[in-house]
C-alpha atoms as a PDB file:
ATOM      1  CA  MET A   1     -74.456  38.512  48.613  1.00  0.00           C
ATOM      2  CA  GLY A   2     -73.435  35.860  51.426  1.00  0.00           C
ATOM      3  CA  ARG A   3     -70.814  33.215  51.593  1.00  0.00           C
ATOM      4  CA  LEU A   4     -71.705  30.610  49.432  1.00  0.00           C
ATOM      5  CA  LEU A   5     -70.974  26.756  49.933  1.00  0.00           C
ATOM      6  CA  ALA A   6     -68.682  24.715  48.020  1.00  0.00           C
ATOM      7  CA  ASP A   7     -69.047  21.287  46.872  1.00  0.00           C
ATOM      8  CA  HIS A   8     -66.679  19.247  45.289  1.00  0.00           C
ATOM      9  CA  LEU A   9     -66.474  18.007  41.640  1.00  0.00           C
ATOM     10  CA  ARG A  10     -65.365  14.331  41.483  1.00  0.00           C
ATOM     11  CA  LYS A  11     -66.561  13.104  38.080  1.00  0.00           C
ATOM     12  CA  ARG A  12     -64.841  13.298  35.400  1.00  0.00           C
ATOM     13  CA  ALA A  13     -67.247  14.385  32.958  1.00  0.00           C
ATOM     14  CA  ASP A  14     -67.777  17.512  35.450  1.00  0.00           C
ATOM     15  CA  PHE A  15     -63.888  18.508  34.342  1.00  0.00           C
ATOM     16  CA  LEU A  16     -64.768  17.859  31.394  1.00  0.00           C
ATOM     17  CA  ARG A  17     -67.772  20.059  30.712  1.00  0.00           C
ATOM     18  CA  ALA A  18     -65.667  22.568  32.647  1.00  0.00           C
ATOM     19  CA  GLN A  19     -62.763  22.404  30.437  1.00  0.00           C
ATOM     20  CA  LYS A  20     -65.227  23.244  27.502  1.00  0.00           C
ATOM     21  CA  GLY A  21     -66.816  26.214  29.184  1.00  0.00           C
ATOM     22  CA  VAL A  22     -64.542  29.868  29.689  1.00  0.00           C
ATOM     23  CA  ARG A  23     -61.010  29.460  30.604  1.00  0.00           C
ATOM     24  CA  ARG A  24     -58.750  32.462  32.191  1.00  0.00           C
ATOM     25  CA  SER A  25     -55.054  32.009  32.774  1.00  0.00           C
ATOM     26  CA  ALA A  26     -52.491  33.957  35.079  1.00  0.00           C
ATOM     27  CA  ALA A  27     -49.222  33.134  36.203  1.00  0.00           C
ATOM     28  CA  GLY A  28     -50.232  30.974  39.257  1.00  0.00           C
ATOM     29  CA  LEU A  29     -52.840  29.205  38.043  1.00  0.00           C
ATOM     30  CA  THR A  30     -55.707  28.691  35.397  1.00  0.00           C
ATOM     31  CA  LEU A  31     -59.557  29.031  35.960  1.00  0.00           C
ATOM     32  CA  GLU A  32     -61.982  26.798  33.882  1.00  0.00           C
ATOM     33  CA  ILE A  33     -65.775  27.685  34.705  1.00  0.00           C
ATOM     34  CA  CYS A  34     -69.397  26.840  33.234  1.00  0.00           C
ATOM     35  CA  ALA A  35     -72.715  26.643  34.565  1.00  0.00           C
ATOM     36  CA  THR A  36     -73.563  23.921  36.658  1.00  0.00           C
ATOM     37  CA  PRO A  37     -75.942  21.102  35.202  1.00  0.00           C
ATOM     38  CA  GLU A  38     -79.583  21.415  36.257  1.00  0.00           C
ATOM     39  CA  PRO A  39     -79.821  18.139  38.240  1.00  0.00           C
ATOM     40  CA  ALA A  40     -77.048  18.785  40.289  1.00  0.00           C
ATOM     41  CA  ALA A  41     -77.309  22.849  40.937  1.00  0.00           C
ATOM     42  CA  LYS A  42     -78.479  23.783  44.389  1.00  0.00           C
ATOM     43  CA  ALA A  43     -79.250  27.461  45.580  1.00  0.00           C
ATOM     44  CA  GLY A  44     -76.540  28.943  47.392  1.00  0.00           C
ATOM     45  CA  ARG A  45     -73.770  26.285  46.393  1.00  0.00           C
ATOM     46  CA  ILE A  46     -70.922  26.178  44.026  1.00  0.00           C
ATOM     47  CA  ARG A  47     -68.944  23.173  43.015  1.00  0.00           C
ATOM     48  CA  VAL A  48     -65.291  23.239  42.803  1.00  0.00           C
ATOM     49  CA  GLY A  49     -62.636  20.736  41.645  1.00  0.00           C
ATOM     50  CA  PHE A  50     -58.933  21.091  41.677  1.00  0.00           C
ATOM     51  CA  THR A  51     -56.355  19.081  38.981  1.00  0.00           C
ATOM     52  CA  ALA A  52     -52.380  19.587  38.764  1.00  0.00           C
ATOM     53  CA  SER A  53     -51.203  17.147  36.222  1.00  0.00           C
ATOM     54  CA  ARG A  54     -47.779  15.689  36.123  1.00  0.00           C
ATOM     55  CA  LYS A  55     -46.287  18.787  34.671  1.00  0.00           C
ATOM     56  CA  VAL A  56     -46.097  20.584  37.834  1.00  0.00           C
ATOM     57  CA  GLY A  57     -44.101  17.965  39.473  1.00  0.00           C
ATOM     58  CA  GLY A  58     -43.989  14.470  41.278  1.00  0.00           C
ATOM     59  CA  ALA A  59     -46.763  13.337  43.746  1.00  0.00           C
ATOM     60  CA  VAL A  60     -45.634  15.879  46.643  1.00  0.00           C
ATOM     61  CA  GLU A  61     -45.692  19.021  44.822  1.00  0.00           C
ATOM     62  CA  ARG A  62     -49.005  18.230  42.778  1.00  0.00           C
ATOM     63  CA  ASN A  63     -50.469  17.598  46.638  1.00  0.00           C
ATOM     64  CA  ARG A  64     -48.880  20.775  47.698  1.00  0.00           C
ATOM     65  CA  ALA A  65     -50.219  22.661  44.478  1.00  0.00           C
ATOM     66  CA  LYS A  66     -53.616  21.590  45.304  1.00  0.00           C
ATOM     67  CA  ARG A  67     -53.747  22.120  48.742  1.00  0.00           C
ATOM     68  CA  ARG A  68     -52.351  25.944  47.830  1.00  0.00           C
ATOM     69  CA  LEU A  69     -55.356  26.158  45.207  1.00  0.00           C
ATOM     70  CA  ARG A  70     -57.857  24.905  47.905  1.00  0.00           C
ATOM     71  CA  ALA A  71     -57.216  27.420  50.298  1.00  0.00           C
ATOM     72  CA  ALA A  72     -57.168  30.094  47.492  1.00  0.00           C
ATOM     73  CA  ALA A  73     -60.182  29.038  46.094  1.00  0.00           C
ATOM     74  CA  GLN A  74     -61.652  28.751  49.815  1.00  0.00           C
ATOM     75  CA  ALA A  75     -60.720  32.536  50.241  1.00  0.00           C
ATOM     76  CA  ILE A  76     -61.776  34.095  47.201  1.00  0.00           C
ATOM     77  CA  LEU A  77     -64.922  31.972  45.794  1.00  0.00           C
ATOM     78  CA  THR A  78     -66.993  31.529  48.642  1.00  0.00           C
ATOM     79  CA  GLU A  79     -67.161  35.099  48.456  1.00  0.00           C
ATOM     80  CA  GLN A  80     -67.133  36.181  44.894  1.00  0.00           C
ATOM     81  CA  GLY A  81     -68.239  33.103  43.108  1.00  0.00           C
ATOM     82  CA  ILE A  82     -71.987  33.030  41.611  1.00  0.00           C
ATOM     83  CA  GLU A  83     -74.175  30.390  42.608  1.00  0.00           C
ATOM     84  CA  ARG A  84     -75.204  27.235  40.704  1.00  0.00           C
ATOM     85  CA  THR A  85     -71.443  27.192  38.749  1.00  0.00           C
ATOM     86  CA  ASP A  86     -68.564  24.956  38.359  1.00  0.00           C
ATOM     87  CA  TYR A  87     -65.359  26.035  38.860  1.00  0.00           C
ATOM     88  CA  VAL A  88     -61.751  24.290  38.111  1.00  0.00           C
ATOM     89  CA  LEU A  89     -58.546  25.236  39.552  1.00  0.00           C
ATOM     90  CA  VAL A  90     -55.669  23.933  37.148  1.00  0.00           C
ATOM     91  CA  ALA A  91     -52.421  24.255  38.927  1.00  0.00           C
ATOM     92  CA  ARG A  92     -49.210  25.287  36.969  1.00  0.00           C
ATOM     93  CA  THR A  93     -45.701  25.234  37.853  1.00  0.00           C
ATOM     94  CA  ALA A  94     -45.745  28.432  39.279  1.00  0.00           C
ATOM     95  CA  THR A  95     -48.353  27.528  41.989  1.00  0.00           C
ATOM     96  CA  LEU A  96     -46.003  26.025  44.195  1.00  0.00           C
ATOM     97  CA  THR A  97     -43.555  29.314  44.305  1.00  0.00           C
ATOM     98  CA  ARG A  98     -45.823  32.256  43.964  1.00  0.00           C
ATOM     99  CA  PRO A  99     -46.715  34.162  47.182  1.00  0.00           C
ATOM    100  CA  TYR A 100     -50.002  33.383  48.686  1.00  0.00           C
ATOM    101  CA  ASP A 101     -51.365  36.927  48.539  1.00  0.00           C
ATOM    102  CA  GLU A 102     -50.113  37.100  44.736  1.00  0.00           C
ATOM    103  CA  LEU A 103     -52.005  33.798  44.223  1.00  0.00           C
ATOM    104  CA  LEU A 104     -55.147  35.387  45.649  1.00  0.00           C
ATOM    105  CA  LYS A 105     -54.768  38.349  43.469  1.00  0.00           C
ATOM    106  CA  ASP A 106     -54.410  36.209  40.428  1.00  0.00           C
ATOM    107  CA  LEU A 107     -57.472  34.123  41.132  1.00  0.00           C
ATOM    108  CA  ALA A 108     -59.639  36.962  41.866  1.00  0.00           C
ATOM    109  CA  GLN A 109     -58.474  38.846  38.709  1.00  0.00           C
ATOM    110  CA  ILE A 110     -59.250  35.824  36.545  1.00  0.00           C
ATOM    111  CA  LEU A 111     -62.436  35.390  38.316  1.00  0.00           C
ATOM    112  CA  ALA A 112     -63.789  38.616  37.397  1.00  0.00           C
ATOM    113  CA  ALA A 113     -62.749  37.990  33.592  1.00  0.00           C
ATOM    114  CA  ALA A 114     -64.369  34.652  33.702  1.00  0.00           C
ATOM    115  CA  HIS A 115     -67.543  36.186  34.844  1.00  0.00           C
ATOM    116  CA  VAL A 116     -68.150  38.492  32.656  1.00  0.00           C
ATOM    117  CA  LYS A 117     -67.387  36.259  29.676  1.00  0.00           C
ATOM    118  CA  LEU A 118     -69.600  33.617  31.036  1.00  0.00           C
ATOM    119  CA  GLU A 119     -72.665  36.436  31.340  1.00  0.00           C
ATOM    120  CA  SER A 120     -71.964  37.486  27.740  1.00  0.00           C
ATOM    121  CA  LEU A 121     -72.306  33.667  26.850  1.00  0.00           C
ATOM    122  CA  ALA A 122     -75.102  33.481  28.474  1.00  0.00           C
ATOM    123  CA  LYS A 123     -76.556  36.261  27.224  1.00  0.00           C
ATOM    124  CA  ALA A 124     -75.697  35.325  23.383  1.00  0.00           C
ATOM    125  CA  GLU A 125     -77.475  31.503  24.428  1.00  0.00           C
ATOM    126  CA  MET A 126     -80.628  33.925  25.242  1.00  0.00           C
ATOM    127  CA  ALA A 127     -80.289  36.144  22.436  1.00  0.00           C
ATOM    128  CA  LYS A 128     -80.110  32.764  19.859  1.00  0.00           C
ATOM    129  CA  LEU A 129     -82.918  30.970  21.680  1.00  0.00           C
ATOM    130  CA  ALA A 130     -85.206  33.924  21.437  1.00  0.00           C
ATOM    131  CA  ALA A 131     -84.366  34.557  17.687  1.00  0.00           C
ATOM    132  CA  LEU A 132     -84.960  30.335  17.048  1.00  0.00           C
ATOM    133  CA  ALA A 133     -88.542  30.830  18.644  1.00  0.00           C
ATOM    134  CA  GLN A 134     -89.559  33.737  16.916  1.00  0.00           C
ATOM    135  CA  GLU A 135     -88.298  32.025  13.400  1.00  0.00           C
ATOM    136  CA  GLY A 136     -90.070  29.016  14.377  1.00  0.00           C
ATOM    137  CA  ALA A 137     -93.241  31.104  15.261  1.00  0.00           C
ATOM    138  CA  GLY A 138     -92.962  32.944  11.734  1.00  0.00           C
ATOM    139  CA  ASP A 139     -92.535  29.919  10.148  1.00  0.00           C
ATOM    140  CA  GLY A 140     -96.011  28.501  10.756  1.00  0.00           C
ATOM    141  CA  ASP A 141     -97.344  31.933   9.843  1.00  0.00           C
ATOM    142  CA  ASP A 142     -96.050  32.040   6.196  1.00  0.00           C
ATOM    143  CA  ALA A 143     -97.100  28.554   5.708  1.00  0.00           C
ATOM    144  CA  LYS A 144    -100.946  29.822   6.351  1.00  0.00           C
ATOM    145  CA  ARG A 145    -100.224  32.365   4.036  1.00  0.00           C
ATOM    146  CA  SER A 146     -98.835  30.882   1.325  1.00  0.00           C
ATOM    147  CA  ASP A 147    -101.902  28.294   1.200  1.00  0.00           C
ATOM    148  CA  VAL A 148    -104.044  31.010   1.362  1.00  0.00           C
ATOM    149  CA  ARG A 149    -102.534  32.553  -1.168  1.00  0.00           C
ATOM    150  CA  GLY A 150    -101.961  29.892  -4.092  1.00  0.00           C
END
């Protein structure tokens, strides 16, 4: 798998969708991921957003934290990300002081865990849809049988 290209998340709705998806945390950052909605999904691309609340610090500290997250995302997500997935990296107070190599390790570790969870959720969703389709097909047959019998 080659390097993926990354687009930026800019709309609030995209950040809120990722917030409802899979969330994993480490000492240096929090990662939220979800599948990219179909109209925006492109082959070979991921979408990435960055956020830092006022708990991280003033504007200067928040901007520094987001710059560090952007660098980490460029190094890790373009190599290990899954195409057609949205990623939001949330800064924590430790993002500012954590050594960069440990920040990269944090991101790689929680990224792997989040991918496992996202995959299991996707499989569960597919099983649920298959069960609903099977149930829908079974209902029609039962109605026909009851009409014939009675």
